[in-house]
Amino acid sequence: MNYSFEYIDIILLAMIAGFIFLRLRGILGKRTGFEGKLREEFKEEFTKSIVKNNVKNNQTFDEAAKNDFLKGAKIAYETIITDFSDNDNKLTESKPLLSKKMHDQFNEALQDRNKRGHYAEITFIGVNSAIIKDHKEIDQILKVTVDFVCEVITCIKDKDKKIISGDPKKIKKIHDTWVFSRDIRSTNPNWQLVDTLT
């Protein structure tokens, strides 16, 4: 009889252990080796959710959104102007900030300058003002037109360092109107320069 009780005890303990194991697996989940990856259908839904929320957030271009945009636009403006006007005749820092159209236009101007043996020197003093002139959404593409006023010291020199244009000792005020754009369906928050109106 003692043996039968021992077997019953073992069976009961095994059942309790099994129950605890199933409860723990239900709470903690099963380790499959793919914990960092979402199943394809969940991944798709997750991406749609992010894009949907992103669209919702960007459809209201309120004062806070405008202020945040202008902070970034000023940095982008300085980066592009400085990159275009430095002495290496190459676009490096500003490349991610330019649409293909604008990159090609700037690059063509730089190549032309390089062929002539000219190079630029620039000291960027600062942006005096940046004002949103217009903003509109077309087919979920948001476009914002900004009027910039900045001050720079710039000149163009030839290979013999002779000044072709500009004055390396004079501060020059520049007025520009640029158009920035981004797809509000995209999870990428970055804007790109798509046009220059002046």
Protein backbone atom coordinates (compact mmCIF):
# COMPACT_ATOMS: atom_id res chain seq x y z
CA MET A 1 0.00 0.00 0.00
CA ASN A 2 2.87 2.31 0.80
CA TYR A 3 4.14 1.91 -2.77
CA SER A 4 0.76 2.88 -4.23
CA PHE A 5 0.70 6.04 -2.12
CA GLU A 6 4.19 6.91 -3.34
CA TYR A 7 3.05 6.55 -6.96
CA ILE A 8 0.01 8.74 -6.29
CA ASP A 9 2.27 11.36 -4.66
CA ILE A 10 4.58 11.32 -7.70
CA ILE A 11 1.62 11.64 -10.10
CA LEU A 12 0.16 14.52 -8.07
CA LEU A 13 3.51 16.32 -7.95
CA ALA A 14 3.95 15.81 -11.70
CA MET A 15 0.46 17.25 -12.33
CA ILE A 16 1.17 20.26 -10.11
CA ALA A 17 4.53 20.85 -11.85
CA GLY A 18 2.84 20.57 -15.24
CA PHE A 19 0.14 23.01 -14.18
CA ILE A 20 2.73 25.52 -12.91
CA PHE A 21 4.74 25.14 -16.13
CA LEU A 22 1.67 25.79 -18.30
CA ARG A 23 0.72 28.83 -16.21
CA LEU A 24 4.24 30.27 -16.44
CA ARG A 25 4.36 29.72 -20.20
CA GLY A 26 1.00 31.41 -20.55
CA ILE A 27 2.19 34.44 -18.58
CA LEU A 28 5.77 34.72 -19.83
CA GLY A 29 5.32 33.36 -23.33
CA LYS A 30 7.18 30.71 -25.23
CA ARG A 31 10.84 31.28 -26.18
CA THR A 32 11.16 30.64 -29.90
CA GLY A 33 14.48 32.29 -30.75
CA PHE A 34 12.73 35.10 -32.68
CA GLU A 35 11.77 37.39 -29.79
CA GLY A 36 13.06 40.50 -31.55
CA LYS A 37 10.96 40.01 -34.68
CA LEU A 38 7.28 40.56 -35.30
CA ARG A 39 5.23 38.08 -37.27
CA GLU A 40 4.61 39.43 -40.76
CA GLU A 41 0.90 40.23 -40.29
CA PHE A 42 1.59 41.99 -36.97
CA LYS A 43 4.54 43.85 -38.51
CA GLU A 44 2.28 45.12 -41.30
CA GLU A 45 -0.40 46.26 -38.85
CA PHE A 46 2.24 47.89 -36.63
CA THR A 47 3.64 49.86 -39.60
CA LYS A 48 0.15 50.93 -40.67
CA SER A 49 -0.54 52.12 -37.12
CA ILE A 50 2.64 54.24 -37.05
CA VAL A 51 1.89 55.79 -40.45
CA LYS A 52 -1.73 56.45 -39.49
CA ASN A 53 -0.70 58.22 -36.28
CA ASN A 54 2.01 60.12 -38.16
CA VAL A 55 -0.56 61.39 -40.72
CA LYS A 56 -2.90 62.41 -37.93
CA ASN A 57 -0.15 64.32 -36.12
CA ASN A 58 1.01 66.12 -39.27
CA GLN A 59 -2.40 67.12 -40.57
CA THR A 60 -2.60 69.81 -37.89
CA PHE A 61 0.19 72.23 -38.73
CA ASP A 62 -0.49 74.34 -35.64
CA GLU A 63 1.69 77.01 -34.03
CA ALA A 64 3.76 74.47 -32.09
CA ALA A 65 4.37 72.45 -35.27
CA LYS A 66 5.29 75.63 -37.15
CA ASN A 67 7.80 76.66 -34.49
CA ASP A 68 9.41 73.21 -34.51
CA PHE A 69 9.52 73.26 -38.31
CA LEU A 70 11.17 76.71 -38.42
CA LYS A 71 13.89 75.63 -35.98
CA GLY A 72 14.78 72.76 -38.30
CA ALA A 73 14.39 74.92 -41.43
CA LYS A 74 16.94 77.45 -40.13
CA ILE A 75 19.47 74.70 -39.48
CA ALA A 76 18.81 73.18 -42.91
CA TYR A 77 19.16 76.60 -44.57
CA GLU A 78 22.52 77.30 -42.94
CA THR A 79 23.76 73.78 -43.71
CA ILE A 80 22.81 74.00 -47.41
CA ILE A 81 24.13 77.55 -47.91
CA THR A 82 27.43 76.74 -46.20
CA ASP A 83 27.85 73.44 -48.04
CA PHE A 84 27.18 75.06 -51.42
CA SER A 85 29.45 78.01 -50.76
CA ASP A 86 32.51 76.36 -49.23
CA ASN A 87 35.76 75.83 -51.11
CA ASP A 88 35.54 72.12 -52.02
CA ASN A 89 32.86 72.55 -54.71
CA LYS A 90 31.07 69.43 -53.42
CA LEU A 91 27.78 68.72 -51.70
CA THR A 92 28.44 66.64 -48.60
CA GLU A 93 26.59 67.72 -45.45
CA SER A 94 23.47 68.94 -47.27
CA LYS A 95 22.83 65.92 -49.51
CA PRO A 96 20.11 64.33 -47.29
CA LEU A 97 18.34 67.72 -47.10
CA LEU A 98 17.92 68.06 -50.88
CA SER A 99 15.44 66.48 -53.24
CA LYS A 100 16.98 64.87 -56.32
CA LYS A 101 15.96 67.88 -58.43
CA MET A 102 17.64 70.38 -56.09
CA HIS A 103 20.70 68.21 -55.61
CA ASP A 104 21.18 67.99 -59.38
CA GLN A 105 20.76 71.76 -59.79
CA PHE A 106 23.23 72.63 -57.05
CA ASN A 107 25.66 69.98 -58.19
CA GLU A 108 25.56 71.27 -61.78
CA ALA A 109 26.35 74.81 -60.58
CA LEU A 110 29.24 73.50 -58.48
CA GLN A 111 30.66 71.50 -61.37
CA ASP A 112 30.48 74.59 -63.59
CA ARG A 113 32.29 76.62 -60.92
CA ASN A 114 34.90 73.91 -60.57
CA LYS A 115 35.54 73.80 -64.33
CA ARG A 116 36.26 77.52 -64.28
CA GLY A 117 38.80 77.00 -61.51
CA HIS A 118 36.77 79.11 -59.09
CA TYR A 119 35.93 78.41 -55.47
CA ALA A 120 33.89 80.13 -52.80
CA GLU A 121 34.66 81.37 -49.31
CA ILE A 122 31.86 81.97 -46.84
CA THR A 123 31.31 83.00 -43.25
CA PHE A 124 27.71 82.44 -42.22
CA ILE A 125 26.77 85.19 -39.74
CA GLY A 126 23.23 83.98 -39.01
CA VAL A 127 19.57 83.89 -39.96
CA ASN A 128 17.88 87.21 -39.20
CA SER A 129 14.40 85.91 -39.86
CA ALA A 130 12.52 82.89 -41.17
CA ILE A 131 8.82 83.33 -41.85
CA ILE A 132 6.37 80.77 -43.19
CA LYS A 133 4.84 82.36 -46.26
CA ASP A 134 2.57 79.48 -47.23
CA HIS A 135 1.84 75.87 -46.36
CA LYS A 136 -0.43 73.42 -48.11
CA GLU A 137 -1.11 69.72 -48.40
CA ILE A 138 -1.56 68.08 -51.81
CA ASP A 139 -2.11 64.31 -52.02
CA GLN A 140 -0.67 63.92 -48.49
CA ILE A 141 2.49 65.80 -49.50
CA LEU A 142 2.97 68.78 -47.21
CA LYS A 143 4.76 71.78 -48.73
CA VAL A 144 5.92 74.78 -46.72
CA THR A 145 7.26 77.98 -48.30
CA VAL A 146 9.64 79.99 -46.13
CA ASP A 147 11.06 83.50 -46.57
CA PHE A 148 14.61 83.67 -45.19
CA VAL A 149 16.73 86.73 -44.46
CA CYS A 150 20.31 85.99 -43.48
CA GLU A 151 23.72 87.66 -43.29
CA VAL A 152 26.90 86.20 -44.75
CA ILE A 153 30.39 87.23 -45.75
CA THR A 154 31.17 85.59 -49.06
CA CYS A 155 33.29 85.90 -52.17
CA ILE A 156 34.35 83.88 -55.21
CA LYS A 157 38.05 83.49 -55.98
CA ASP A 158 39.99 81.98 -58.85
CA LYS A 159 42.83 79.46 -58.59
CA ASP A 160 45.27 82.33 -58.02
CA LYS A 161 43.13 83.54 -55.10
CA LYS A 162 42.08 86.62 -57.02
CA ILE A 163 38.62 87.85 -56.02
CA ILE A 164 36.12 87.38 -58.87
CA SER A 165 33.02 88.56 -57.00
CA GLY A 166 31.92 89.46 -53.51
CA ASP A 167 33.87 91.07 -50.68
CA PRO A 168 35.62 89.06 -47.94
CA LYS A 169 35.30 92.02 -45.55
CA LYS A 170 31.71 93.02 -46.15
CA ILE A 171 28.57 91.52 -44.58
CA LYS A 172 25.95 90.82 -47.20
CA LYS A 173 22.23 90.44 -46.54
CA ILE A 174 20.55 87.66 -48.51
CA HIS A 175 16.81 87.20 -49.14
CA ASP A 176 15.68 83.71 -50.17
CA THR A 177 12.34 81.97 -50.58
CA TRP A 178 12.60 78.20 -50.32
CA VAL A 179 10.04 75.40 -50.47
CA PHE A 180 10.38 72.38 -48.20
CA SER A 181 8.37 69.20 -48.53
CA ARG A 182 7.72 65.85 -46.87
CA ASP A 183 5.35 62.94 -47.33
CA ILE A 184 3.15 62.86 -44.21
CA ARG A 185 2.49 59.14 -44.77
CA SER A 186 6.17 58.42 -44.24
CA THR A 187 7.65 57.48 -40.87
CA ASN A 188 10.70 59.56 -41.84
CA PRO A 189 10.32 62.95 -40.10
CA ASN A 190 12.89 64.74 -42.29
CA TRP A 191 12.01 67.54 -44.71
CA GLN A 192 13.74 68.20 -48.02
CA LEU A 193 14.30 71.34 -50.05
CA VAL A 194 12.30 70.91 -53.27
CA ASP A 195 12.40 74.38 -54.82
CA THR A 196 13.97 77.84 -54.58
CA LEU A 197 11.78 80.74 -55.71
CA THR A 198 14.41 83.51 -55.47
